Every structure is written in structure tokens, then in C-alpha cells.
Amino acid sequence: MTSNAATVLREALALPLDERADVAAELLASLGPVDEPDGQELWKVELERRARRALSGDAPGEDWATLRERLANRFTG
């Protein structure tokens, strides 16, 4: 992720939930419909990029229990 993208992400994550949802919806819509060939190709490229990053160790990720707890805390309080 570029520094510009990281800055945008950091700022977006600081928004209230409803505004983050609006931003997320607009970003997803900008990729085009998934059922159109271009949309499918964009999602394929993104999924492959994420898979390569995870397999390379650059994105260590989180175990499911930790992630589930973090998400539960975020949405319940």
C-alpha cells in the first residue's frame, strides 16, 4: 500500500461508522459490477495480490479468535 493510500485509509478509519460505510460503498462501486468482465478481473487481481502478500509473510494476519474478539469489541462497545 502506498503512503497516500495508507493516509486515506487512516483518515477513513477515523470516520464514524455510517460515514465509513458510505466511503466503503463508494470505493467498491468504483471497481465496477463484479458480474461484468472488467469487474471480475479487478477482483481477481486484488484477491491474487492479497494472497501473494499473505503467502510471502508481508501480511502476517491475525488468528480467527483474535480477529473475532477485536470485531466483537468494535461493534458492541
PDB file of N, CA and C in Angstrom:
ATOM      1  N   MET A   1       0.856  -1.170   0.000  1.00  0.00           N
ATOM      2  CA  MET A   1       0.000   0.000   0.000  1.00  0.00           C
ATOM      3  C   MET A   1       0.901   1.233   0.000  1.00  0.00           C
ATOM      4  N   THR A   2       0.586   2.174  -0.849  1.00  0.00           N
ATOM      5  CA  THR A   2       1.387   3.396  -0.913  1.00  0.00           C
ATOM      6  C   THR A   2       1.129   4.267   0.313  1.00  0.00           C
ATOM      7  N   SER A   3       1.999   5.235   0.537  1.00  0.00           N
ATOM      8  CA  SER A   3       1.795   6.123   1.678  1.00  0.00           C
ATOM      9  C   SER A   3       0.528   6.953   1.505  1.00  0.00           C
ATOM     10  N   ASN A   4       0.197   7.320   0.265  1.00  0.00           N
ATOM     11  CA  ASN A   4      -1.055   8.047   0.027  1.00  0.00           C
ATOM     12  C   ASN A   4      -2.258   7.197   0.398  1.00  0.00           C
ATOM     13  N   ALA A   5      -2.237   5.936  -0.020  1.00  0.00           N
ATOM     14  CA  ALA A   5      -3.342   5.038   0.298  1.00  0.00           C
ATOM     15  C   ALA A   5      -3.430   4.810   1.804  1.00  0.00           C
ATOM     16  N   ALA A   6      -2.288   4.663   2.462  1.00  0.00           N
ATOM     17  CA  ALA A   6      -2.282   4.464   3.917  1.00  0.00           C
ATOM     18  C   ALA A   6      -2.855   5.685   4.630  1.00  0.00           C
ATOM     19  N   THR A   7      -2.549   6.875   4.128  1.00  0.00           N
ATOM     20  CA  THR A   7      -3.092   8.096   4.725  1.00  0.00           C
ATOM     21  C   THR A   7      -4.600   8.150   4.555  1.00  0.00           C
ATOM     22  N   VAL A   8      -5.071   7.850   3.357  1.00  0.00           N
ATOM     23  CA  VAL A   8      -6.512   7.848   3.106  1.00  0.00           C
ATOM     24  C   VAL A   8      -7.196   6.821   3.996  1.00  0.00           C
ATOM     25  N   LEU A   9      -6.611   5.633   4.099  1.00  0.00           N
ATOM     26  CA  LEU A   9      -7.186   4.586   4.941  1.00  0.00           C
ATOM     27  C   LEU A   9      -7.252   5.025   6.395  1.00  0.00           C
ATOM     28  N   ARG A  10      -6.168   5.576   6.901  1.00  0.00           N
ATOM     29  CA  ARG A  10      -6.131   6.026   8.296  1.00  0.00           C
ATOM     30  C   ARG A  10      -7.223   7.078   8.557  1.00  0.00           C
ATOM     31  N   GLU A  11      -7.361   8.027   7.621  1.00  0.00           N
ATOM     32  CA  GLU A  11      -8.381   9.058   7.773  1.00  0.00           C
ATOM     33  C   GLU A  11      -9.789   8.467   7.667  1.00  0.00           C
ATOM     34  N   ALA A  12      -9.983   7.530   6.755  1.00  0.00           N
ATOM     35  CA  ALA A  12     -11.293   6.906   6.605  1.00  0.00           C
ATOM     36  C   ALA A  12     -11.672   6.106   7.850  1.00  0.00           C
ATOM     37  N   LEU A  13     -10.700   5.412   8.434  1.00  0.00           N
ATOM     38  CA  LEU A  13     -10.989   4.619   9.630  1.00  0.00           C
ATOM     39  C   LEU A  13     -11.332   5.485  10.839  1.00  0.00           C
ATOM     40  N   ALA A  14     -10.970   6.758  10.795  1.00  0.00           N
ATOM     41  CA  ALA A  14     -11.294   7.669  11.894  1.00  0.00           C
ATOM     42  C   ALA A  14     -12.716   8.220  11.787  1.00  0.00           C
ATOM     43  N   LEU A  15     -13.379   7.989  10.663  1.00  0.00           N
ATOM     44  CA  LEU A  15     -14.741   8.477  10.467  1.00  0.00           C
ATOM     45  C   LEU A  15     -15.731   7.673  11.294  1.00  0.00           C
ATOM     46  N   PRO A  16     -16.898   8.258  11.575  1.00  0.00           N
ATOM     47  CA  PRO A  16     -17.964   7.489  12.237  1.00  0.00           C
ATOM     48  C   PRO A  16     -18.398   6.318  11.341  1.00  0.00           C
ATOM     49  N   LEU A  17     -18.982   5.319  11.948  1.00  0.00           N
ATOM     50  CA  LEU A  17     -19.359   4.092  11.249  1.00  0.00           C
ATOM     51  C   LEU A  17     -20.180   4.356   9.991  1.00  0.00           C
ATOM     52  N   ASP A  18     -21.191   5.200  10.064  1.00  0.00           N
ATOM     53  CA  ASP A  18     -22.039   5.424   8.897  1.00  0.00           C
ATOM     54  C   ASP A  18     -21.260   6.073   7.749  1.00  0.00           C
ATOM     55  N   GLU A  19     -20.351   6.969   8.063  1.00  0.00           N
ATOM     56  CA  GLU A  19     -19.548   7.595   7.019  1.00  0.00           C
ATOM     57  C   GLU A  19     -18.537   6.609   6.439  1.00  0.00           C
ATOM     58  N   ARG A  20     -17.967   5.730   7.280  1.00  0.00           N
ATOM     59  CA  ARG A  20     -17.058   4.700   6.768  1.00  0.00           C
ATOM     60  C   ARG A  20     -17.791   3.775   5.815  1.00  0.00           C
ATOM     61  N   ALA A  21     -19.035   3.441   6.163  1.00  0.00           N
ATOM     62  CA  ALA A  21     -19.838   2.571   5.296  1.00  0.00           C
ATOM     63  C   ALA A  21     -20.086   3.243   3.955  1.00  0.00           C
ATOM     64  N   ASP A  22     -20.369   4.541   3.973  1.00  0.00           N
ATOM     65  CA  ASP A  22     -20.578   5.271   2.717  1.00  0.00           C
ATOM     66  C   ASP A  22     -19.308   5.267   1.874  1.00  0.00           C
ATOM     67  N   VAL A  23     -18.173   5.528   2.504  1.00  0.00           N
ATOM     68  CA  VAL A  23     -16.892   5.539   1.778  1.00  0.00           C
ATOM     69  C   VAL A  23     -16.615   4.152   1.198  1.00  0.00           C
ATOM     70  N   ALA A  24     -16.826   3.112   1.998  1.00  0.00           N
ATOM     71  CA  ALA A  24     -16.584   1.747   1.527  1.00  0.00           C
ATOM     72  C   ALA A  24     -17.479   1.415   0.341  1.00  0.00           C
ATOM     73  N   ALA A  25     -18.733   1.799   0.414  1.00  0.00           N
ATOM     74  CA  ALA A  25     -19.663   1.519  -0.683  1.00  0.00           C
ATOM     75  C   ALA A  25     -19.228   2.239  -1.957  1.00  0.00           C
ATOM     76  N   GLU A  26     -18.801   3.484  -1.819  1.00  0.00           N
ATOM     77  CA  GLU A  26     -18.358   4.235  -2.994  1.00  0.00           C
ATOM     78  C   GLU A  26     -17.093   3.622  -3.601  1.00  0.00           C
ATOM     79  N   LEU A  27     -16.168   3.206  -2.746  1.00  0.00           N
ATOM     80  CA  LEU A  27     -14.943   2.578  -3.259  1.00  0.00           C
ATOM     81  C   LEU A  27     -15.261   1.274  -3.988  1.00  0.00           C
ATOM     82  N   LEU A  28     -16.119   0.457  -3.397  1.00  0.00           N
ATOM     83  CA  LEU A  28     -16.490  -0.797  -4.055  1.00  0.00           C
ATOM     84  C   LEU A  28     -17.215  -0.536  -5.366  1.00  0.00           C
ATOM     85  N   ALA A  29     -18.100   0.452  -5.375  1.00  0.00           N
ATOM     86  CA  ALA A  29     -18.831   0.774  -6.597  1.00  0.00           C
ATOM     87  C   ALA A  29     -17.879   1.250  -7.697  1.00  0.00           C
ATOM     88  N   SER A  30     -16.791   1.903  -7.289  1.00  0.00           N
ATOM     89  CA  SER A  30     -15.849   2.409  -8.291  1.00  0.00           C
ATOM     90  C   SER A  30     -15.124   1.289  -9.016  1.00  0.00           C
ATOM     91  N   LEU A  31     -15.130   0.087  -8.468  1.00  0.00           N
ATOM     92  CA  LEU A  31     -14.484  -1.054  -9.115  1.00  0.00           C
ATOM     93  C   LEU A  31     -15.340  -1.632 -10.228  1.00  0.00           C
ATOM     94  N   GLY A  32     -16.592  -1.239 -10.278  1.00  0.00           N
ATOM     95  CA  GLY A  32     -17.493  -1.742 -11.305  1.00  0.00           C
ATOM     96  C   GLY A  32     -18.198  -2.997 -10.838  1.00  0.00           C
ATOM     97  N   PRO A  33     -19.257  -3.345 -11.530  1.00  0.00           N
ATOM     98  CA  PRO A  33     -20.018  -4.539 -11.158  1.00  0.00           C
ATOM     99  C   PRO A  33     -19.148  -5.794 -11.241  1.00  0.00           C
ATOM    100  N   VAL A  34     -19.281  -6.635 -10.251  1.00  0.00           N
ATOM    101  CA  VAL A  34     -18.487  -7.866 -10.211  1.00  0.00           C
ATOM    102  C   VAL A  34     -18.894  -8.808 -11.326  1.00  0.00           C
ATOM    103  N   ASP A  35     -20.141  -8.731 -11.780  1.00  0.00           N
ATOM    104  CA  ASP A  35     -20.586  -9.659 -12.813  1.00  0.00           C
ATOM    105  C   ASP A  35     -20.184  -9.231 -14.226  1.00  0.00           C
ATOM    106  N   GLU A  36     -19.595  -8.047 -14.370  1.00  0.00           N
ATOM    107  CA  GLU A  36     -19.079  -7.633 -15.669  1.00  0.00           C
ATOM    108  C   GLU A  36     -17.630  -8.086 -15.785  1.00  0.00           C
ATOM    109  N   PRO A  37     -17.167  -8.373 -16.986  1.00  0.00           N
ATOM    110  CA  PRO A  37     -15.792  -8.878 -17.155  1.00  0.00           C
ATOM    111  C   PRO A  37     -14.730  -7.996 -16.499  1.00  0.00           C
ATOM    112  N   ASP A  38     -14.818  -6.676 -16.648  1.00  0.00           N
ATOM    113  CA  ASP A  38     -13.818  -5.800 -16.033  1.00  0.00           C
ATOM    114  C   ASP A  38     -13.859  -5.882 -14.518  1.00  0.00           C
ATOM    115  N   GLY A  39     -15.065  -5.927 -13.961  1.00  0.00           N
ATOM    116  CA  GLY A  39     -15.211  -6.028 -12.513  1.00  0.00           C
ATOM    117  C   GLY A  39     -14.651  -7.342 -11.990  1.00  0.00           C
ATOM    118  N   GLN A  40     -14.912  -8.409 -12.716  1.00  0.00           N
ATOM    119  CA  GLN A  40     -14.383  -9.711 -12.318  1.00  0.00           C
ATOM    120  C   GLN A  40     -12.863  -9.709 -12.341  1.00  0.00           C
ATOM    121  N   GLU A  41     -12.299  -9.104 -13.371  1.00  0.00           N
ATOM    122  CA  GLU A  41     -10.837  -9.071 -13.488  1.00  0.00           C
ATOM    123  C   GLU A  41     -10.223  -8.248 -12.356  1.00  0.00           C
ATOM    124  N   LEU A  42     -10.832  -7.122 -12.017  1.00  0.00           N
ATOM    125  CA  LEU A  42     -10.314  -6.301 -10.919  1.00  0.00           C
ATOM    126  C   LEU A  42     -10.328  -7.070  -9.599  1.00  0.00           C
ATOM    127  N   TRP A  43     -11.426  -7.785  -9.332  1.00  0.00           N
ATOM    128  CA  TRP A  43     -11.488  -8.559  -8.090  1.00  0.00           C
ATOM    129  C   TRP A  43     -10.465  -9.691  -8.108  1.00  0.00           C
ATOM    130  N   LYS A  44     -10.296 -10.333  -9.260  1.00  0.00           N
ATOM    131  CA  LYS A  44      -9.319 -11.416  -9.377  1.00  0.00           C
ATOM    132  C   LYS A  44      -7.913 -10.896  -9.076  1.00  0.00           C
ATOM    133  N   VAL A  45      -7.556  -9.758  -9.667  1.00  0.00           N
ATOM    134  CA  VAL A  45      -6.237  -9.170  -9.441  1.00  0.00           C
ATOM    135  C   VAL A  45      -6.050  -8.830  -7.964  1.00  0.00           C
ATOM    136  N   GLU A  46      -7.076  -8.245  -7.348  1.00  0.00           N
ATOM    137  CA  GLU A  46      -6.968  -7.875  -5.933  1.00  0.00           C
ATOM    138  C   GLU A  46      -6.829  -9.104  -5.042  1.00  0.00           C
ATOM    139  N   LEU A  47      -7.620 -10.129  -5.295  1.00  0.00           N
ATOM    140  CA  LEU A  47      -7.527 -11.353  -4.496  1.00  0.00           C
ATOM    141  C   LEU A  47      -6.158 -12.011  -4.651  1.00  0.00           C
ATOM    142  N   GLU A  48      -5.641 -12.024  -5.863  1.00  0.00           N
ATOM    143  CA  GLU A  48      -4.315 -12.598  -6.084  1.00  0.00           C
ATOM    144  C   GLU A  48      -3.235 -11.784  -5.365  1.00  0.00           C
ATOM    145  N   ARG A  49      -3.366 -10.450  -5.394  1.00  0.00           N
ATOM    146  CA  ARG A  49      -2.405  -9.586  -4.703  1.00  0.00           C
ATOM    147  C   ARG A  49      -2.411  -9.873  -3.198  1.00  0.00           C
ATOM    148  N   ARG A  50      -3.606  -9.989  -2.642  1.00  0.00           N
ATOM    149  CA  ARG A  50      -3.709 -10.260  -1.204  1.00  0.00           C
ATOM    150  C   ARG A  50      -3.169 -11.640  -0.858  1.00  0.00           C
ATOM    151  N   ALA A  51      -3.456 -12.616  -1.695  1.00  0.00           N
ATOM    152  CA  ALA A  51      -2.968 -13.972  -1.440  1.00  0.00           C
ATOM    153  C   ALA A  51      -1.444 -14.013  -1.487  1.00  0.00           C
ATOM    154  N   ARG A  52      -0.850 -13.367  -2.511  1.00  0.00           N
ATOM    155  CA  ARG A  52       0.615 -13.323  -2.597  1.00  0.00           C
ATOM    156  C   ARG A  52       1.218 -12.654  -1.370  1.00  0.00           C
ATOM    157  N   ARG A  53       0.605 -11.558  -0.930  1.00  0.00           N
ATOM    158  CA  ARG A  53       1.111 -10.824   0.239  1.00  0.00           C
ATOM    159  C   ARG A  53       1.040 -11.706   1.490  1.00  0.00           C
ATOM    160  N   ALA A  54      -0.064 -12.413   1.658  1.00  0.00           N
ATOM    161  CA  ALA A  54      -0.213 -13.282   2.822  1.00  0.00           C
ATOM    162  C   ALA A  54       0.804 -14.426   2.781  1.00  0.00           C
ATOM    163  N   LEU A  55       0.976 -15.027   1.609  1.00  0.00           N
ATOM    164  CA  LEU A  55       1.903 -16.150   1.485  1.00  0.00           C
ATOM    165  C   LEU A  55       3.361 -15.730   1.639  1.00  0.00           C
ATOM    166  N   SER A  56       3.679 -14.480   1.282  1.00  0.00           N
ATOM    167  CA  SER A  56       5.058 -14.005   1.388  1.00  0.00           C
ATOM    168  C   SER A  56       5.448 -13.669   2.824  1.00  0.00           C
ATOM    169  N   GLY A  57       4.456 -13.539   3.698  1.00  0.00           N
ATOM    170  CA  GLY A  57       4.737 -13.168   5.081  1.00  0.00           C
ATOM    171  C   GLY A  57       4.717 -11.672   5.314  1.00  0.00           C
ATOM    172  N   ASP A  58       4.498 -10.876   4.252  1.00  0.00           N
ATOM    173  CA  ASP A  58       4.421  -9.423   4.415  1.00  0.00           C
ATOM    174  C   ASP A  58       3.178  -9.003   5.188  1.00  0.00           C
ATOM    175  N   ALA A  59       2.163  -9.826   5.160  1.00  0.00           N
ATOM    176  CA  ALA A  59       0.923  -9.544   5.881  1.00  0.00           C
ATOM    177  C   ALA A  59       0.632 -10.734   6.788  1.00  0.00           C
ATOM    178  N   PRO A  60       1.159 -10.711   7.997  1.00  0.00           N
ATOM    179  CA  PRO A  60       1.029 -11.886   8.861  1.00  0.00           C
ATOM    180  C   PRO A  60      -0.408 -12.220   9.247  1.00  0.00           C
ATOM    181  N   GLY A  61      -1.309 -11.236   9.208  1.00  0.00           N
ATOM    182  CA  GLY A  61      -2.704 -11.503   9.537  1.00  0.00           C
ATOM    183  C   GLY A  61      -2.915 -11.738  11.027  1.00  0.00           C
ATOM    184  N   GLU A  62      -4.102 -12.208  11.355  1.00  0.00           N
ATOM    185  CA  GLU A  62      -4.467 -12.493  12.737  1.00  0.00           C
ATOM    186  C   GLU A  62      -5.135 -13.855  12.790  1.00  0.00           C
ATOM    187  N   ASP A  63      -5.005 -14.502  13.920  1.00  0.00           N
ATOM    188  CA  ASP A  63      -5.739 -15.751  14.057  1.00  0.00           C
ATOM    189  C   ASP A  63      -7.216 -15.401  14.259  1.00  0.00           C
ATOM    190  N   TRP A  64      -8.100 -16.352  13.936  1.00  0.00           N
ATOM    191  CA  TRP A  64      -9.536 -16.111  13.932  1.00  0.00           C
ATOM    192  C   TRP A  64     -10.045 -15.668  15.300  1.00  0.00           C
ATOM    193  N   ALA A  65      -9.594 -16.269  16.379  1.00  0.00           N
ATOM    194  CA  ALA A  65     -10.093 -15.908  17.708  1.00  0.00           C
ATOM    195  C   ALA A  65      -9.786 -14.443  18.038  1.00  0.00           C
ATOM    196  N   THR A  66      -8.578 -13.993  17.702  1.00  0.00           N
ATOM    197  CA  THR A  66      -8.199 -12.607  17.962  1.00  0.00           C
ATOM    198  C   THR A  66      -9.026 -11.659  17.104  1.00  0.00           C
ATOM    199  N   LEU A  67      -9.166 -11.976  15.837  1.00  0.00           N
ATOM    200  CA  LEU A  67      -9.946 -11.135  14.939  1.00  0.00           C
ATOM    201  C   LEU A  67     -11.401 -11.066  15.383  1.00  0.00           C
ATOM    202  N   ARG A  68     -11.985 -12.204  15.721  1.00  0.00           N
ATOM    203  CA  ARG A  68     -13.385 -12.239  16.160  1.00  0.00           C
ATOM    204  C   ARG A  68     -13.578 -11.379  17.399  1.00  0.00           C
ATOM    205  N   GLU A  69     -12.656 -11.465  18.346  1.00  0.00           N
ATOM    206  CA  GLU A  69     -12.757 -10.658  19.566  1.00  0.00           C
ATOM    207  C   GLU A  69     -12.628  -9.165  19.251  1.00  0.00           C
ATOM    208  N   ARG A  70     -11.685  -8.807  18.388  1.00  0.00           N
ATOM    209  CA  ARG A  70     -11.491  -7.404  18.020  1.00  0.00           C
ATOM    210  C   ARG A  70     -12.732  -6.846  17.338  1.00  0.00           C
ATOM    211  N   LEU A  71     -13.322  -7.610  16.428  1.00  0.00           N
ATOM    212  CA  LEU A  71     -14.528  -7.158  15.744  1.00  0.00           C
ATOM    213  C   LEU A  71     -15.711  -7.073  16.695  1.00  0.00           C
ATOM    214  N   ALA A  72     -15.833  -8.042  17.580  1.00  0.00           N
ATOM    215  CA  ALA A  72     -16.926  -8.009  18.546  1.00  0.00           C
ATOM    216  C   ALA A  72     -16.818  -6.780  19.437  1.00  0.00           C
ATOM    217  N   ASN A  73     -15.612  -6.463  19.864  1.00  0.00           N
ATOM    218  CA  ASN A  73     -15.395  -5.274  20.693  1.00  0.00           C
ATOM    219  C   ASN A  73     -15.723  -3.997  19.928  1.00  0.00           C
ATOM    220  N   ARG A  74     -15.376  -3.976  18.666  1.00  0.00           N
ATOM    221  CA  ARG A  74     -15.617  -2.786  17.843  1.00  0.00           C
ATOM    222  C   ARG A  74     -17.121  -2.528  17.673  1.00  0.00           C
ATOM    223  N   PHE A  75     -17.882  -3.595  17.480  1.00  0.00           N
ATOM    224  CA  PHE A  75     -19.300  -3.416  17.159  1.00  0.00           C
ATOM    225  C   PHE A  75     -20.228  -3.510  18.363  1.00  0.00           C
ATOM    226  N   THR A  76     -19.693  -3.872  19.519  1.00  0.00           N
ATOM    227  CA  THR A  76     -20.555  -3.943  20.703  1.00  0.00           C
ATOM    228  C   THR A  76     -20.185  -2.924  21.758  1.00  0.00           C
ATOM    229  N   GLY A  77     -19.185  -2.170  21.533  1.00  0.00           N
ATOM    230  CA  GLY A  77     -18.887  -1.198  22.567  1.00  0.00           C
ATOM    231  C   GLY A  77     -17.657  -0.487  22.318  1.00  0.00           C
TER     232      GLY A  77
END
